Structures are given as C-alpha cells and as structure tokens.
Amino acid sequence: MTYFFLHCTENSTLMNPLKACCVGDGLKNNCGSVDDKGEKKYSVCEKPELSFFWDGVHPSQNGWQAIYTLLQSSFGQLNHG
C-alpha cells in the first residue's frame, strides 16, 4: 500500500486516493443505479485507473493491484508454513 500512496502523491491529478470512483447521485442511489427509464443515477470518476476504491466498499483494479503488490512477498511463506 505504501507504494500505491507514494505513487498517488507523486501524481498531481489525483486529489484523494481513497475517494470512491463510482458514486451514486443523491442519497438513494448507488454506483450502478438506474431510474425507471434506464437513465444512470451515478457518476464515474474521470480516471478510474488512478483510484483505489471503485465504490465505497470495493477496491478498484488499481486497488487490488496495490494490495497484491503489498502481499506478494508473503505468498511464498504460505507454501512453506
């Protein structure tokens, strides 16, 4: 995770690395919500590849990569434990 946060702080276009990329419009809508007419009731950030969280709970692809990178060195110990 340290790598992720260092990488993000070096990138001036990323204001808050922990802010969700996909958010619902208003209090009743979530990421992926649509109304009765099928219109989107959510918005997606301009650069999802820079976000850590996709929505308020789930890591984005970049977030999972950061977690994997952090834990990768420990995976070998699982096989020998």
PDB file of N, CA and C in Angstrom:
ATOM      1  N   MET A   1       0.821  -1.184   0.000  1.00  0.00           N
ATOM      2  CA  MET A   1       0.000   0.000   0.000  1.00  0.00           C
ATOM      3  C   MET A   1       0.867   1.251   0.000  1.00  0.00           C
ATOM      4  N   THR A   2       2.000   1.165   0.672  1.00  0.00           N
ATOM      5  CA  THR A   2       2.876   2.325   0.684  1.00  0.00           C
ATOM      6  C   THR A   2       3.227   2.729  -0.730  1.00  0.00           C
ATOM      7  N   TYR A   3       3.538   1.758  -1.582  1.00  0.00           N
ATOM      8  CA  TYR A   3       3.853   2.057  -2.975  1.00  0.00           C
ATOM      9  C   TYR A   3       2.695   2.795  -3.633  1.00  0.00           C
ATOM     10  N   PHE A   4       1.494   2.314  -3.414  1.00  0.00           N
ATOM     11  CA  PHE A   4       0.316   2.942  -4.014  1.00  0.00           C
ATOM     12  C   PHE A   4       0.203   4.400  -3.588  1.00  0.00           C
ATOM     13  N   PHE A   5       0.312   4.650  -2.287  1.00  0.00           N
ATOM     14  CA  PHE A   5       0.142   6.009  -1.801  1.00  0.00           C
ATOM     15  C   PHE A   5       1.286   6.913  -2.242  1.00  0.00           C
ATOM     16  N   LEU A   6       2.498   6.397  -2.291  1.00  0.00           N
ATOM     17  CA  LEU A   6       3.605   7.201  -2.799  1.00  0.00           C
ATOM     18  C   LEU A   6       3.394   7.522  -4.263  1.00  0.00           C
ATOM     19  N   HIS A   7       2.944   6.525  -5.026  1.00  0.00           N
ATOM     20  CA  HIS A   7       2.675   6.732  -6.446  1.00  0.00           C
ATOM     21  C   HIS A   7       1.587   7.787  -6.632  1.00  0.00           C
ATOM     22  N   CYS A   8       0.558   7.719  -5.824  1.00  0.00           N
ATOM     23  CA  CYS A   8      -0.552   8.658  -5.948  1.00  0.00           C
ATOM     24  C   CYS A   8      -0.154  10.066  -5.556  1.00  0.00           C
ATOM     25  N   THR A   9       0.652  10.198  -4.528  1.00  0.00           N
ATOM     26  CA  THR A   9       1.028  11.536  -4.102  1.00  0.00           C
ATOM     27  C   THR A   9       1.948  12.193  -5.116  1.00  0.00           C
ATOM     28  N   GLU A  10       2.660  11.381  -5.887  1.00  0.00           N
ATOM     29  CA  GLU A  10       3.504  11.937  -6.931  1.00  0.00           C
ATOM     30  C   GLU A  10       2.677  12.384  -8.132  1.00  0.00           C
ATOM     31  N   ASN A  11       1.453  11.892  -8.236  1.00  0.00           N
ATOM     32  CA  ASN A  11       0.590  12.219  -9.364  1.00  0.00           C
ATOM     33  C   ASN A  11      -0.333  13.350  -8.947  1.00  0.00           C
ATOM     34  N   SER A  12      -0.096  14.536  -9.474  1.00  0.00           N
ATOM     35  CA  SER A  12      -0.853  15.704  -9.051  1.00  0.00           C
ATOM     36  C   SER A  12      -2.312  15.687  -9.495  1.00  0.00           C
ATOM     37  N   THR A  13      -2.684  14.789 -10.411  1.00  0.00           N
ATOM     38  CA  THR A  13      -4.068  14.750 -10.872  1.00  0.00           C
ATOM     39  C   THR A  13      -4.965  13.989  -9.905  1.00  0.00           C
ATOM     40  N   LEU A  14      -4.399  13.287  -8.958  1.00  0.00           N
ATOM     41  CA  LEU A  14      -5.187  12.505  -8.014  1.00  0.00           C
ATOM     42  C   LEU A  14      -5.284  13.267  -6.696  1.00  0.00           C
ATOM     43  N   MET A  15      -6.464  13.784  -6.420  1.00  0.00           N
ATOM     44  CA  MET A  15      -6.632  14.618  -5.237  1.00  0.00           C
ATOM     45  C   MET A  15      -6.809  13.790  -3.964  1.00  0.00           C
ATOM     46  N   ASN A  16      -7.608  12.747  -4.006  1.00  0.00           N
ATOM     47  CA  ASN A  16      -7.863  11.915  -2.835  1.00  0.00           C
ATOM     48  C   ASN A  16      -7.874  10.458  -3.273  1.00  0.00           C
ATOM     49  N   PRO A  17      -6.801   9.711  -3.004  1.00  0.00           N
ATOM     50  CA  PRO A  17      -6.724   8.335  -3.485  1.00  0.00           C
ATOM     51  C   PRO A  17      -7.753   7.397  -2.861  1.00  0.00           C
ATOM     52  N   LEU A  18      -8.361   7.772  -1.748  1.00  0.00           N
ATOM     53  CA  LEU A  18      -9.338   6.895  -1.105  1.00  0.00           C
ATOM     54  C   LEU A  18     -10.781   7.238  -1.450  1.00  0.00           C
ATOM     55  N   LYS A  19     -10.984   8.271  -2.257  1.00  0.00           N
ATOM     56  CA  LYS A  19     -12.340   8.630  -2.677  1.00  0.00           C
ATOM     57  C   LYS A  19     -12.832   7.612  -3.706  1.00  0.00           C
ATOM     58  N   ALA A  20     -14.059   7.174  -3.546  1.00  0.00           N
ATOM     59  CA  ALA A  20     -14.641   6.205  -4.484  1.00  0.00           C
ATOM     60  C   ALA A  20     -14.719   6.790  -5.884  1.00  0.00           C
ATOM     61  N   CYS A  21     -14.482   5.954  -6.884  1.00  0.00           N
ATOM     62  CA  CYS A  21     -14.532   6.397  -8.271  1.00  0.00           C
ATOM     63  C   CYS A  21     -15.977   6.436  -8.782  1.00  0.00           C
ATOM     64  N   CYS A  22     -16.771   5.472  -8.404  1.00  0.00           N
ATOM     65  CA  CYS A  22     -18.158   5.391  -8.856  1.00  0.00           C
ATOM     66  C   CYS A  22     -19.076   5.702  -7.677  1.00  0.00           C
ATOM     67  N   VAL A  23     -19.846   6.776  -7.807  1.00  0.00           N
ATOM     68  CA  VAL A  23     -20.724   7.195  -6.711  1.00  0.00           C
ATOM     69  C   VAL A  23     -22.136   7.462  -7.229  1.00  0.00           C
ATOM     70  N   GLY A  24     -23.100   7.179  -6.388  1.00  0.00           N
ATOM     71  CA  GLY A  24     -24.492   7.440  -6.733  1.00  0.00           C
ATOM     72  C   GLY A  24     -24.821   8.909  -6.628  1.00  0.00           C
ATOM     73  N   ASP A  25     -25.802   9.337  -7.414  1.00  0.00           N
ATOM     74  CA  ASP A  25     -26.284  10.709  -7.365  1.00  0.00           C
ATOM     75  C   ASP A  25     -27.351  10.796  -6.281  1.00  0.00           C
ATOM     76  N   GLY A  26     -27.085  11.509  -5.239  1.00  0.00           N
ATOM     77  CA  GLY A  26     -28.045  11.645  -4.154  1.00  0.00           C
ATOM     78  C   GLY A  26     -27.911  10.541  -3.125  1.00  0.00           C
ATOM     79  N   LEU A  27     -28.749  10.591  -2.114  1.00  0.00           N
ATOM     80  CA  LEU A  27     -28.662   9.646  -1.006  1.00  0.00           C
ATOM     81  C   LEU A  27     -29.260   8.277  -1.320  1.00  0.00           C
ATOM     82  N   LYS A  28     -30.201   8.203  -2.252  1.00  0.00           N
ATOM     83  CA  LYS A  28     -30.900   6.948  -2.524  1.00  0.00           C
ATOM     84  C   LYS A  28     -30.222   6.101  -3.597  1.00  0.00           C
ATOM     85  N   ASN A  29     -29.239   6.645  -4.290  1.00  0.00           N
ATOM     86  CA  ASN A  29     -28.632   5.934  -5.410  1.00  0.00           C
ATOM     87  C   ASN A  29     -27.204   5.493  -5.093  1.00  0.00           C
ATOM     88  N   ASN A  30     -26.850   4.360  -5.651  1.00  0.00           N
ATOM     89  CA  ASN A  30     -25.518   3.800  -5.505  1.00  0.00           C
ATOM     90  C   ASN A  30     -24.864   3.703  -6.868  1.00  0.00           C
ATOM     91  N   CYS A  31     -23.624   3.295  -6.866  1.00  0.00           N
ATOM     92  CA  CYS A  31     -22.925   3.029  -8.117  1.00  0.00           C
ATOM     93  C   CYS A  31     -23.697   1.960  -8.887  1.00  0.00           C
ATOM     94  N   GLY A  32     -24.073   2.247 -10.103  1.00  0.00           N
ATOM     95  CA  GLY A  32     -24.820   1.309 -10.925  1.00  0.00           C
ATOM     96  C   GLY A  32     -26.328   1.508 -10.912  1.00  0.00           C
ATOM     97  N   SER A  33     -26.828   2.431 -10.079  1.00  0.00           N
ATOM     98  CA  SER A  33     -28.269   2.683 -10.015  1.00  0.00           C
ATOM     99  C   SER A  33     -28.779   3.311 -11.309  1.00  0.00           C
ATOM    100  N   VAL A  34     -29.966   2.886 -11.719  1.00  0.00           N
ATOM    101  CA  VAL A  34     -30.646   3.499 -12.868  1.00  0.00           C
ATOM    102  C   VAL A  34     -32.092   3.767 -12.464  1.00  0.00           C
ATOM    103  N   ASP A  35     -32.714   4.734 -13.122  1.00  0.00           N
ATOM    104  CA  ASP A  35     -34.107   5.024 -12.812  1.00  0.00           C
ATOM    105  C   ASP A  35     -35.029   4.150 -13.672  1.00  0.00           C
ATOM    106  N   ASP A  36     -36.329   4.388 -13.587  1.00  0.00           N
ATOM    107  CA  ASP A  36     -37.312   3.583 -14.321  1.00  0.00           C
ATOM    108  C   ASP A  36     -37.139   3.665 -15.834  1.00  0.00           C
ATOM    109  N   LYS A  37     -36.524   4.738 -16.298  1.00  0.00           N
ATOM    110  CA  LYS A  37     -36.300   4.911 -17.733  1.00  0.00           C
ATOM    111  C   LYS A  37     -34.938   4.364 -18.174  1.00  0.00           C
ATOM    112  N   GLY A  38     -34.181   3.818 -17.232  1.00  0.00           N
ATOM    113  CA  GLY A  38     -32.872   3.275 -17.550  1.00  0.00           C
ATOM    114  C   GLY A  38     -31.748   4.296 -17.547  1.00  0.00           C
ATOM    115  N   GLU A  39     -32.038   5.511 -17.081  1.00  0.00           N
ATOM    116  CA  GLU A  39     -31.015   6.550 -17.036  1.00  0.00           C
ATOM    117  C   GLU A  39     -30.116   6.350 -15.816  1.00  0.00           C
ATOM    118  N   LYS A  40     -28.828   6.551 -16.017  1.00  0.00           N
ATOM    119  CA  LYS A  40     -27.856   6.394 -14.941  1.00  0.00           C
ATOM    120  C   LYS A  40     -28.117   7.381 -13.818  1.00  0.00           C
ATOM    121  N   LYS A  41     -28.003   6.894 -12.612  1.00  0.00           N
ATOM    122  CA  LYS A  41     -28.131   7.723 -11.414  1.00  0.00           C
ATOM    123  C   LYS A  41     -26.823   7.651 -10.615  1.00  0.00           C
ATOM    124  N   TYR A  42     -25.717   7.598 -11.333  1.00  0.00           N
ATOM    125  CA  TYR A  42     -24.396   7.538 -10.723  1.00  0.00           C
ATOM    126  C   TYR A  42     -23.401   8.195 -11.664  1.00  0.00           C
ATOM    127  N   SER A  43     -22.235   8.484 -11.150  1.00  0.00           N
ATOM    128  CA  SER A  43     -21.163   9.035 -11.981  1.00  0.00           C
ATOM    129  C   SER A  43     -19.876   8.270 -11.709  1.00  0.00           C
ATOM    130  N   VAL A  44     -19.017   8.268 -12.699  1.00  0.00           N
ATOM    131  CA  VAL A  44     -17.733   7.576 -12.607  1.00  0.00           C
ATOM    132  C   VAL A  44     -16.638   8.627 -12.759  1.00  0.00           C
ATOM    133  N   CYS A  45     -15.595   8.497 -11.962  1.00  0.00           N
ATOM    134  CA  CYS A  45     -14.507   9.474 -11.999  1.00  0.00           C
ATOM    135  C   CYS A  45     -13.836   9.503 -13.375  1.00  0.00           C
ATOM    136  N   GLU A  46     -13.145  10.578 -13.623  1.00  0.00           N
ATOM    137  CA  GLU A  46     -12.526  10.795 -14.930  1.00  0.00           C
ATOM    138  C   GLU A  46     -11.403   9.796 -15.218  1.00  0.00           C
ATOM    139  N   LYS A  47     -10.658   9.405 -14.186  1.00  0.00           N
ATOM    140  CA  LYS A  47      -9.523   8.494 -14.373  1.00  0.00           C
ATOM    141  C   LYS A  47      -9.614   7.326 -13.380  1.00  0.00           C
ATOM    142  N   PRO A  48     -10.452   6.327 -13.676  1.00  0.00           N
ATOM    143  CA  PRO A  48     -10.624   5.205 -12.755  1.00  0.00           C
ATOM    144  C   PRO A  48      -9.317   4.462 -12.470  1.00  0.00           C
ATOM    145  N   GLU A  49      -8.398   4.495 -13.411  1.00  0.00           N
ATOM    146  CA  GLU A  49      -7.138   3.780 -13.220  1.00  0.00           C
ATOM    147  C   GLU A  49      -6.289   4.368 -12.096  1.00  0.00           C
ATOM    148  N   LEU A  50      -6.640   5.548 -11.615  1.00  0.00           N
ATOM    149  CA  LEU A  50      -5.902   6.181 -10.529  1.00  0.00           C
ATOM    150  C   LEU A  50      -6.575   6.000  -9.170  1.00  0.00           C
ATOM    151  N   SER A  51      -7.760   5.449  -9.150  1.00  0.00           N
ATOM    152  CA  SER A  51      -8.490   5.320  -7.888  1.00  0.00           C
ATOM    153  C   SER A  51      -8.090   4.035  -7.162  1.00  0.00           C
ATOM    154  N   PHE A  52      -8.254   4.037  -5.843  1.00  0.00           N
ATOM    155  CA  PHE A  52      -8.018   2.837  -5.049  1.00  0.00           C
ATOM    156  C   PHE A  52      -9.328   2.077  -4.846  1.00  0.00           C
ATOM    157  N   PHE A  53     -10.421   2.823  -4.639  1.00  0.00           N
ATOM    158  CA  PHE A  53     -11.735   2.197  -4.454  1.00  0.00           C
ATOM    159  C   PHE A  53     -12.622   2.437  -5.670  1.00  0.00           C
ATOM    160  N   TRP A  54     -13.323   1.388  -6.097  1.00  0.00           N
ATOM    161  CA  TRP A  54     -14.279   1.525  -7.189  1.00  0.00           C
ATOM    162  C   TRP A  54     -15.529   2.223  -6.675  1.00  0.00           C
ATOM    163  N   ASP A  55     -16.096   1.675  -5.606  1.00  0.00           N
ATOM    164  CA  ASP A  55     -17.252   2.292  -4.956  1.00  0.00           C
ATOM    165  C   ASP A  55     -16.867   2.503  -3.494  1.00  0.00           C
ATOM    166  N   GLY A  56     -17.800   2.676  -2.640  1.00  0.00           N
ATOM    167  CA  GLY A  56     -17.485   2.933  -1.246  1.00  0.00           C
ATOM    168  C   GLY A  56     -16.914   1.757  -0.483  1.00  0.00           C
ATOM    169  N   VAL A  57     -16.942   0.565  -1.063  1.00  0.00           N
ATOM    170  CA  VAL A  57     -16.513  -0.638  -0.363  1.00  0.00           C
ATOM    171  C   VAL A  57     -15.455  -1.426  -1.132  1.00  0.00           C
ATOM    172  N   HIS A  58     -15.607  -1.548  -2.432  1.00  0.00           N
ATOM    173  CA  HIS A  58     -14.789  -2.458  -3.235  1.00  0.00           C
ATOM    174  C   HIS A  58     -13.564  -1.779  -3.841  1.00  0.00           C
ATOM    175  N   PRO A  59     -12.397  -2.402  -3.678  1.00  0.00           N
ATOM    176  CA  PRO A  59     -11.210  -1.851  -4.336  1.00  0.00           C
ATOM    177  C   PRO A  59     -11.370  -1.871  -5.855  1.00  0.00           C
ATOM    178  N   SER A  60     -10.758  -0.912  -6.491  1.00  0.00           N
ATOM    179  CA  SER A  60     -10.721  -0.875  -7.957  1.00  0.00           C
ATOM    180  C   SER A  60      -9.636  -1.850  -8.432  1.00  0.00           C
ATOM    181  N   GLN A  61      -9.490  -1.986  -9.723  1.00  0.00           N
ATOM    182  CA  GLN A  61      -8.426  -2.836 -10.257  1.00  0.00           C
ATOM    183  C   GLN A  61      -7.072  -2.339  -9.746  1.00  0.00           C
ATOM    184  N   ASN A  62      -6.892  -1.038  -9.716  1.00  0.00           N
ATOM    185  CA  ASN A  62      -5.661  -0.452  -9.202  1.00  0.00           C
ATOM    186  C   ASN A  62      -5.500  -0.741  -7.711  1.00  0.00           C
ATOM    187  N   GLY A  63      -6.591  -0.701  -6.973  1.00  0.00           N
ATOM    188  CA  GLY A  63      -6.556  -1.014  -5.547  1.00  0.00           C
ATOM    189  C   GLY A  63      -6.151  -2.448  -5.296  1.00  0.00           C
ATOM    190  N   TRP A  64      -6.732  -3.377  -6.049  1.00  0.00           N
ATOM    191  CA  TRP A  64      -6.358  -4.791  -5.907  1.00  0.00           C
ATOM    192  C   TRP A  64      -4.893  -5.007  -6.273  1.00  0.00           C
ATOM    193  N   GLN A  65      -4.412  -4.293  -7.286  1.00  0.00           N
ATOM    194  CA  GLN A  65      -3.001  -4.409  -7.668  1.00  0.00           C
ATOM    195  C   GLN A  65      -2.097  -3.935  -6.529  1.00  0.00           C
ATOM    196  N   ALA A  66      -2.477  -2.857  -5.870  1.00  0.00           N
ATOM    197  CA  ALA A  66      -1.697  -2.354  -4.741  1.00  0.00           C
ATOM    198  C   ALA A  66      -1.689  -3.361  -3.591  1.00  0.00           C
ATOM    199  N   ILE A  67      -2.841  -3.962  -3.313  1.00  0.00           N
ATOM    200  CA  ILE A  67      -2.928  -4.974  -2.253  1.00  0.00           C
ATOM    201  C   ILE A  67      -2.081  -6.184  -2.613  1.00  0.00           C
ATOM    202  N   TYR A  68      -2.187  -6.636  -3.843  1.00  0.00           N
ATOM    203  CA  TYR A  68      -1.394  -7.787  -4.293  1.00  0.00           C
ATOM    204  C   TYR A  68       0.099  -7.491  -4.185  1.00  0.00           C
ATOM    205  N   THR A  69       0.503  -6.317  -4.621  1.00  0.00           N
ATOM    206  CA  THR A  69       1.914  -5.948  -4.563  1.00  0.00           C
ATOM    207  C   THR A  69       2.412  -5.949  -3.125  1.00  0.00           C
ATOM    208  N   LEU A  70       1.592  -5.458  -2.214  1.00  0.00           N
ATOM    209  CA  LEU A  70       1.957  -5.432  -0.810  1.00  0.00           C
ATOM    210  C   LEU A  70       2.096  -6.846  -0.232  1.00  0.00           C
ATOM    211  N   LEU A  71       1.198  -7.744  -0.615  1.00  0.00           N
ATOM    212  CA  LEU A  71       1.181  -9.099  -0.047  1.00  0.00           C
ATOM    213  C   LEU A  71       2.004 -10.119  -0.813  1.00  0.00           C
ATOM    214  N   GLN A  72       2.428  -9.795  -2.002  1.00  0.00           N
ATOM    215  CA  GLN A  72       3.092 -10.750  -2.892  1.00  0.00           C
ATOM    216  C   GLN A  72       4.279 -11.450  -2.227  1.00  0.00           C
ATOM    217  N   SER A  73       5.086 -10.730  -1.495  1.00  0.00           N
ATOM    218  CA  SER A  73       6.254 -11.346  -0.876  1.00  0.00           C
ATOM    219  C   SER A  73       5.867 -12.369   0.196  1.00  0.00           C
ATOM    220  N   SER A  74       4.676 -12.269   0.750  1.00  0.00           N
ATOM    221  CA  SER A  74       4.218 -13.198   1.785  1.00  0.00           C
ATOM    222  C   SER A  74       3.665 -14.491   1.215  1.00  0.00           C
ATOM    223  N   PHE A  75       3.302 -14.512  -0.069  1.00  0.00           N
ATOM    224  CA  PHE A  75       2.670 -15.697  -0.642  1.00  0.00           C
ATOM    225  C   PHE A  75       3.578 -16.922  -0.601  1.00  0.00           C
ATOM    226  N   GLY A  76       4.854 -16.739  -0.784  1.00  0.00           N
ATOM    227  CA  GLY A  76       5.790 -17.857  -0.729  1.00  0.00           C
ATOM    228  C   GLY A  76       5.809 -18.522   0.634  1.00  0.00           C
ATOM    229  N   GLN A  77       5.609 -17.763   1.685  1.00  0.00           N
ATOM    230  CA  GLN A  77       5.593 -18.302   3.046  1.00  0.00           C
ATOM    231  C   GLN A  77       4.385 -19.197   3.271  1.00  0.00           C
ATOM    232  N   LEU A  78       3.306 -19.001   2.567  1.00  0.00           N
ATOM    233  CA  LEU A  78       2.122 -19.826   2.727  1.00  0.00           C
ATOM    234  C   LEU A  78       2.386 -21.272   2.304  1.00  0.00           C
ATOM    235  N   ASN A  79       3.189 -21.456   1.285  1.00  0.00           N
ATOM    236  CA  ASN A  79       3.505 -22.788   0.795  1.00  0.00           C
ATOM    237  C   ASN A  79       4.477 -23.534   1.689  1.00  0.00           C
ATOM    238  N   HIS A  80       5.222 -22.811   2.507  1.00  0.00           N
ATOM    239  CA  HIS A  80       6.243 -23.438   3.332  1.00  0.00           C
ATOM    240  C   HIS A  80       5.864 -23.436   4.809  1.00  0.00           C
ATOM    241  N   GLY A  81       4.673 -22.933   5.115  1.00  0.00           N
ATOM    242  CA  GLY A  81       4.247 -22.788   6.509  1.00  0.00           C
ATOM    243  C   GLY A  81       3.693 -24.018   7.048  1.00  0.00           C
TER     244      GLY A  81
END
